[in-house]
C-alpha atoms as a PDB file:
ATOM      1  CA  UNK A   1      24.508 -28.199 -46.359  1.00  0.00           C
ATOM      2  CA  UNK A   2      23.944 -24.953 -44.623  1.00  0.00           C
ATOM      3  CA  UNK A   3      20.781 -22.944 -46.159  1.00  0.00           C
ATOM      4  CA  UNK A   4      23.175 -20.153 -47.438  1.00  0.00           C
ATOM      5  CA  UNK A   5      25.606 -22.726 -48.867  1.00  0.00           C
ATOM      6  CA  UNK A   6      22.464 -24.762 -50.335  1.00  0.00           C
ATOM      7  CA  UNK A   7      21.397 -21.617 -52.261  1.00  0.00           C
ATOM      8  CA  UNK A   8      24.539 -20.901 -53.710  1.00  0.00           C
ATOM      9  CA  UNK A   9      25.212 -24.148 -54.866  1.00  0.00           C
ATOM     10  CA  UNK A  10      21.726 -24.416 -56.348  1.00  0.00           C
ATOM     11  CA  UNK A  11      22.255 -21.006 -58.027  1.00  0.00           C
ATOM     12  CA  UNK A  12      25.589 -22.141 -59.835  1.00  0.00           C
ATOM     13  CA  UNK A  13      23.980 -25.348 -60.462  1.00  0.00           C
ATOM     14  CA  UNK A  14      20.795 -23.621 -62.332  1.00  0.00           C
ATOM     15  CA  UNK A  15      23.268 -21.391 -64.184  1.00  0.00           C
ATOM     16  CA  UNK A  16      25.128 -24.266 -65.522  1.00  0.00           C
ATOM     17  CA  UNK A  17      22.014 -26.480 -66.434  1.00  0.00           C
ATOM     18  CA  UNK A  18      20.471 -23.575 -68.213  1.00  0.00           C
ATOM     19  CA  UNK A  19      23.998 -22.951 -70.279  1.00  0.00           C
ATOM     20  CA  UNK A  20      23.925 -27.090 -70.828  1.00  0.00           C
ATOM     21  CA  UNK A  21      20.475 -27.401 -72.216  1.00  0.00           C
ATOM     22  CA  UNK A  22      20.703 -24.350 -74.483  1.00  0.00           C
ATOM     23  CA  UNK A  23      20.765 -25.434 -77.680  1.00  0.00           C
ATOM     24  CA  UNK A  24      19.749 -28.878 -76.606  1.00  0.00           C
ATOM     25  CA  UNK A  25      16.201 -28.325 -77.632  1.00  0.00           C
ATOM     26  CA  UNK A  26      14.859 -29.698 -81.112  1.00  0.00           C
ATOM     27  CA  UNK A  27      12.307 -32.127 -82.230  1.00  0.00           C
ATOM     28  CA  UNK A  28      13.098 -34.784 -79.630  1.00  0.00           C
ATOM     29  CA  UNK A  29       9.643 -35.042 -78.095  1.00  0.00           C
ATOM     30  CA  UNK A  30       8.520 -37.762 -80.241  1.00  0.00           C
ATOM     31  CA  UNK A  31      11.467 -40.036 -78.737  1.00  0.00           C
ATOM     32  CA  UNK A  32      10.692 -39.178 -75.236  1.00  0.00           C
ATOM     33  CA  UNK A  33       6.995 -40.317 -75.849  1.00  0.00           C
ATOM     34  CA  UNK A  34       8.455 -43.521 -77.564  1.00  0.00           C
ATOM     35  CA  UNK A  35      10.319 -44.256 -74.600  1.00  0.00           C
ATOM     36  CA  UNK A  36       7.800 -43.258 -72.127  1.00  0.00           C
ATOM     37  CA  UNK A  37       5.026 -45.319 -73.896  1.00  0.00           C
ATOM     38  CA  UNK A  38       7.458 -48.284 -74.105  1.00  0.00           C
ATOM     39  CA  UNK A  39       9.266 -48.500 -70.764  1.00  0.00           C
ATOM     40  CA  UNK A  40       7.131 -46.276 -67.998  1.00  0.00           C
ATOM     41  CA  UNK A  41       3.554 -45.995 -69.540  1.00  0.00           C
ATOM     42  CA  UNK A  42       1.047 -44.709 -67.138  1.00  0.00           C
ATOM     43  CA  UNK A  43      -1.284 -47.085 -65.623  1.00  0.00           C
ATOM     44  CA  UNK A  44      -4.786 -47.596 -67.291  1.00  0.00           C
ATOM     45  CA  UNK A  45      -7.210 -45.059 -66.151  1.00  0.00           C
ATOM     46  CA  UNK A  46      -4.238 -42.911 -64.648  1.00  0.00           C
ATOM     47  CA  UNK A  47      -4.787 -39.206 -64.651  1.00  0.00           C
ATOM     48  CA  UNK A  48      -1.840 -37.682 -66.251  1.00  0.00           C
ATOM     49  CA  UNK A  49      -0.297 -34.278 -65.768  1.00  0.00           C
ATOM     50  CA  UNK A  50       1.841 -32.558 -68.513  1.00  0.00           C
ATOM     51  CA  UNK A  51       3.401 -29.384 -68.655  1.00  0.00           C
ATOM     52  CA  UNK A  52       3.451 -26.925 -71.586  1.00  0.00           C
ATOM     53  CA  UNK A  53       7.169 -26.181 -72.248  1.00  0.00           C
ATOM     54  CA  UNK A  54       8.353 -22.749 -71.712  1.00  0.00           C
ATOM     55  CA  UNK A  55      11.914 -21.848 -73.274  1.00  0.00           C
ATOM     56  CA  UNK A  56      14.073 -24.455 -74.466  1.00  0.00           C
ATOM     57  CA  UNK A  57      12.035 -27.183 -71.936  1.00  0.00           C
ATOM     58  CA  UNK A  58      11.960 -30.947 -73.643  1.00  0.00           C
ATOM     59  CA  UNK A  59       8.593 -30.956 -75.379  1.00  0.00           C
ATOM     60  CA  UNK A  60       6.201 -33.375 -73.799  1.00  0.00           C
ATOM     61  CA  UNK A  61       3.150 -32.438 -76.045  1.00  0.00           C
ATOM     62  CA  UNK A  62       3.680 -35.692 -78.312  1.00  0.00           C
ATOM     63  CA  UNK A  63       3.451 -37.803 -75.087  1.00  0.00           C
ATOM     64  CA  UNK A  64       0.220 -35.908 -74.087  1.00  0.00           C
ATOM     65  CA  UNK A  65      -1.319 -36.507 -77.331  1.00  0.00           C
ATOM     66  CA  UNK A  66      -0.471 -40.035 -77.402  1.00  0.00           C
ATOM     67  CA  UNK A  67      -1.615 -40.557 -73.786  1.00  0.00           C
ATOM     68  CA  UNK A  68      -4.889 -38.751 -74.649  1.00  0.00           C
ATOM     69  CA  UNK A  69      -5.566 -41.427 -77.709  1.00  0.00           C
ATOM     70  CA  UNK A  70      -4.823 -44.054 -75.418  1.00  0.00           C
ATOM     71  CA  UNK A  71      -7.747 -42.778 -73.234  1.00  0.00           C
ATOM     72  CA  UNK A  72      -6.182 -41.243 -70.340  1.00  0.00           C
ATOM     73  CA  UNK A  73      -7.460 -37.893 -68.849  1.00  0.00           C
ATOM     74  CA  UNK A  74      -5.244 -35.233 -68.890  1.00  0.00           C
ATOM     75  CA  UNK A  75      -4.343 -32.210 -66.968  1.00  0.00           C
ATOM     76  CA  UNK A  76      -1.851 -29.367 -66.829  1.00  0.00           C
ATOM     77  CA  UNK A  77      -0.673 -27.189 -64.175  1.00  0.00           C
ATOM     78  CA  UNK A  78      -1.472 -23.740 -63.316  1.00  0.00           C
ATOM     79  CA  UNK A  79       1.101 -21.814 -61.398  1.00  0.00           C
ATOM     80  CA  UNK A  80      -0.683 -19.979 -58.473  1.00  0.00           C
ATOM     81  CA  UNK A  81       0.952 -17.258 -56.152  1.00  0.00           C
ATOM     82  CA  UNK A  82       4.328 -18.011 -54.636  1.00  0.00           C
ATOM     83  CA  UNK A  83       4.084 -20.311 -51.447  1.00  0.00           C
ATOM     84  CA  UNK A  84       1.367 -22.349 -52.951  1.00  0.00           C
ATOM     85  CA  UNK A  85       1.274 -25.593 -54.737  1.00  0.00           C
ATOM     86  CA  UNK A  86       0.256 -26.132 -58.380  1.00  0.00           C
ATOM     87  CA  UNK A  87      -3.337 -26.371 -59.309  1.00  0.00           C
ATOM     88  CA  UNK A  88      -3.897 -29.099 -62.115  1.00  0.00           C
ATOM     89  CA  UNK A  89      -6.732 -28.151 -64.661  1.00  0.00           C
ATOM     90  CA  UNK A  90      -8.273 -30.723 -67.097  1.00  0.00           C
ATOM     91  CA  UNK A  91      -6.970 -30.292 -70.625  1.00  0.00           C
ATOM     92  CA  UNK A  92      -7.532 -32.077 -74.089  1.00  0.00           C
ATOM     93  CA  UNK A  93      -5.271 -31.447 -76.832  1.00  0.00           C
ATOM     94  CA  UNK A  94      -6.244 -28.772 -79.158  1.00  0.00           C
ATOM     95  CA  UNK A  95      -8.013 -26.897 -75.998  1.00  0.00           C
ATOM     96  CA  UNK A  96      -6.899 -23.164 -75.559  1.00  0.00           C
ATOM     97  CA  UNK A  97      -4.553 -22.163 -72.876  1.00  0.00           C
ATOM     98  CA  UNK A  98      -4.242 -18.795 -71.046  1.00  0.00           C
ATOM     99  CA  UNK A  99      -1.459 -17.285 -69.813  1.00  0.00           C
ATOM    100  CA  UNK A 100      -0.064 -17.842 -66.454  1.00  0.00           C
ATOM    101  CA  UNK A 101       2.843 -16.826 -64.256  1.00  0.00           C
ATOM    102  CA  UNK A 102       6.598 -16.996 -65.220  1.00  0.00           C
ATOM    103  CA  UNK A 103       5.835 -17.347 -68.746  1.00  0.00           C
ATOM    104  CA  UNK A 104       3.549 -20.324 -68.384  1.00  0.00           C
ATOM    105  CA  UNK A 105       0.255 -21.525 -69.952  1.00  0.00           C
ATOM    106  CA  UNK A 106      -2.681 -23.471 -68.510  1.00  0.00           C
ATOM    107  CA  UNK A 107      -6.313 -24.513 -69.284  1.00  0.00           C
ATOM    108  CA  UNK A 108      -9.217 -23.418 -67.455  1.00  0.00           C
ATOM    109  CA  UNK A 109     -10.986 -26.418 -67.330  1.00  0.00           C
ATOM    110  CA  UNK A 110     -12.224 -28.358 -63.873  1.00  0.00           C
ATOM    111  CA  UNK A 111      -9.381 -28.978 -61.040  1.00  0.00           C
ATOM    112  CA  UNK A 112      -8.277 -32.491 -61.041  1.00  0.00           C
ATOM    113  CA  UNK A 113      -5.829 -34.676 -59.045  1.00  0.00           C
ATOM    114  CA  UNK A 114      -3.217 -36.506 -61.204  1.00  0.00           C
ATOM    115  CA  UNK A 115      -2.008 -39.880 -60.351  1.00  0.00           C
ATOM    116  CA  UNK A 116       0.841 -39.418 -62.959  1.00  0.00           C
ATOM    117  CA  UNK A 117       3.179 -36.466 -62.933  1.00  0.00           C
ATOM    118  CA  UNK A 118       5.305 -35.184 -65.847  1.00  0.00           C
ATOM    119  CA  UNK A 119       7.976 -32.945 -64.054  1.00  0.00           C
ATOM    120  CA  UNK A 120       9.939 -30.307 -65.754  1.00  0.00           C
ATOM    121  CA  UNK A 121      13.575 -29.533 -64.612  1.00  0.00           C
ATOM    122  CA  UNK A 122      16.881 -28.288 -65.173  1.00  0.00           C
ATOM    123  CA  UNK A 123      19.091 -31.010 -64.024  1.00  0.00           C
ATOM    124  CA  UNK A 124      18.736 -34.367 -62.318  1.00  0.00           C
ATOM    125  CA  UNK A 125      20.846 -37.186 -60.988  1.00  0.00           C
ATOM    126  CA  UNK A 126      20.685 -41.054 -60.642  1.00  0.00           C
ATOM    127  CA  UNK A 127      19.305 -40.790 -57.121  1.00  0.00           C
ATOM    128  CA  UNK A 128      16.451 -39.213 -58.290  1.00  0.00           C
ATOM    129  CA  UNK A 129      17.263 -35.432 -57.375  1.00  0.00           C
ATOM    130  CA  UNK A 130      16.037 -32.572 -59.633  1.00  0.00           C
ATOM    131  CA  UNK A 131      17.093 -29.034 -59.936  1.00  0.00           C
ATOM    132  CA  UNK A 132      14.035 -26.980 -60.543  1.00  0.00           C
ATOM    133  CA  UNK A 133      13.853 -23.128 -61.114  1.00  0.00           C
ATOM    134  CA  UNK A 134      13.687 -22.541 -57.532  1.00  0.00           C
ATOM    135  CA  UNK A 135      10.329 -21.260 -56.412  1.00  0.00           C
ATOM    136  CA  UNK A 136       9.497 -24.621 -55.018  1.00  0.00           C
ATOM    137  CA  UNK A 137       6.298 -25.116 -56.979  1.00  0.00           C
ATOM    138  CA  UNK A 138       6.645 -29.047 -57.686  1.00  0.00           C
ATOM    139  CA  UNK A 139       8.362 -29.684 -54.325  1.00  0.00           C
ATOM    140  CA  UNK A 140       5.414 -28.452 -52.438  1.00  0.00           C
ATOM    141  CA  UNK A 141       3.023 -30.081 -54.954  1.00  0.00           C
ATOM    142  CA  UNK A 142       4.666 -33.513 -55.065  1.00  0.00           C
ATOM    143  CA  UNK A 143       4.900 -33.411 -51.060  1.00  0.00           C
ATOM    144  CA  UNK A 144       1.103 -33.254 -50.967  1.00  0.00           C
ATOM    145  CA  UNK A 145       0.862 -36.152 -53.320  1.00  0.00           C
ATOM    146  CA  UNK A 146       2.913 -38.867 -51.890  1.00  0.00           C
ATOM    147  CA  UNK A 147       1.142 -41.605 -53.912  1.00  0.00           C
ATOM    148  CA  UNK A 148       1.518 -40.004 -57.445  1.00  0.00           C
ATOM    149  CA  UNK A 149       4.322 -41.279 -59.890  1.00  0.00           C
ATOM    150  CA  UNK A 150       6.895 -38.814 -60.555  1.00  0.00           C
ATOM    151  CA  UNK A 151       8.429 -38.870 -64.064  1.00  0.00           C
ATOM    152  CA  UNK A 152      11.054 -36.337 -64.917  1.00  0.00           C
ATOM    153  CA  UNK A 153      11.343 -35.120 -68.526  1.00  0.00           C
ATOM    154  CA  UNK A 154      14.313 -33.644 -69.674  1.00  0.00           C
ATOM    155  CA  UNK A 155      17.518 -33.987 -72.399  1.00  0.00           C
ATOM    156  CA  UNK A 156      19.814 -36.598 -71.343  1.00  0.00           C
ATOM    157  CA  UNK A 157      22.664 -33.548 -71.328  1.00  0.00           C
ATOM    158  CA  UNK A 158      20.503 -32.437 -68.128  1.00  0.00           C
ATOM    159  CA  UNK A 159      22.130 -35.240 -66.078  1.00  0.00           C
ATOM    160  CA  UNK A 160      24.684 -34.327 -63.668  1.00  0.00           C
ATOM    161  CA  UNK A 161      26.685 -36.167 -61.136  1.00  0.00           C
ATOM    162  CA  UNK A 162      24.696 -34.918 -58.021  1.00  0.00           C
ATOM    163  CA  UNK A 163      21.932 -32.182 -57.600  1.00  0.00           C
ATOM    164  CA  UNK A 164      22.533 -30.196 -54.579  1.00  0.00           C
ATOM    165  CA  UNK A 165      19.286 -31.155 -52.337  1.00  0.00           C
ATOM    166  CA  UNK A 166      17.922 -29.896 -49.199  1.00  0.00           C
ATOM    167  CA  UNK A 167      15.040 -30.928 -46.700  1.00  0.00           C
ATOM    168  CA  UNK A 168      12.204 -29.961 -48.696  1.00  0.00           C
ATOM    169  CA  UNK A 169      13.266 -31.183 -52.176  1.00  0.00           C
ATOM    170  CA  UNK A 170      11.193 -34.070 -53.554  1.00  0.00           C
ATOM    171  CA  UNK A 171      12.763 -36.841 -55.407  1.00  0.00           C
ATOM    172  CA  UNK A 172      11.691 -38.548 -58.870  1.00  0.00           C
ATOM    173  CA  UNK A 173      10.430 -42.032 -59.651  1.00  0.00           C
ATOM    174  CA  UNK A 174      12.009 -41.847 -63.081  1.00  0.00           C
ATOM    175  CA  UNK A 175      13.589 -39.606 -65.541  1.00  0.00           C
ATOM    176  CA  UNK A 176      12.709 -39.754 -69.360  1.00  0.00           C
ATOM    177  CA  UNK A 177      14.897 -38.331 -71.874  1.00  0.00           C
ATOM    178  CA  UNK A 178      15.235 -38.613 -75.639  1.00  0.00           C
ATOM    179  CA  UNK A 179      17.546 -41.766 -75.320  1.00  0.00           C
ATOM    180  CA  UNK A 180      15.387 -43.768 -72.604  1.00  0.00           C
ATOM    181  CA  UNK A 181      13.896 -44.052 -69.443  1.00  0.00           C
ATOM    182  CA  UNK A 182      15.902 -43.970 -66.290  1.00  0.00           C
ATOM    183  CA  UNK A 183      14.781 -45.530 -63.256  1.00  0.00           C
ATOM    184  CA  UNK A 184      16.109 -43.690 -60.084  1.00  0.00           C
ATOM    185  CA  UNK A 185      18.750 -45.756 -57.532  1.00  0.00           C
ATOM    186  CA  UNK A 186      17.618 -44.372 -53.827  1.00  0.00           C
END
């Protein structure tokens, strides 16, 4: 797909995904946590990056609290200026956050490199493709972390037949939803 056509397809897919996700939010974070812990838990000692939900994103905070209780070191992303990858900062449940770019929140702890990344998204397909918000932060970041496990976190209604993808889009290893963990077919 040519760049212009890809941009148009992604913009349409984002609008549809935001509409589909609207109203899907609710207290489903506990279900996501239970599925991840049962079917796709990070290995012992893994540094896990989560995300502080914005808008109506799925809430992974219950999972982060559970992983902390299991002894995992946690971090949250800081969104730098456009064109740069995310910066991950150490965080523990209950620690204060500061306001970041695009409505995000992040801690001020030391910079760490995660082994297991919880990735927010607007839409995903069974091939491991994800549609983000369009700034490329996670794609740049994941490209620089080829060994990190990439677990998309979303509502089940965010699954689509096919996500429009380009050459710089990074794939997920799995997606956790409120109804289970989906391994990706590549």
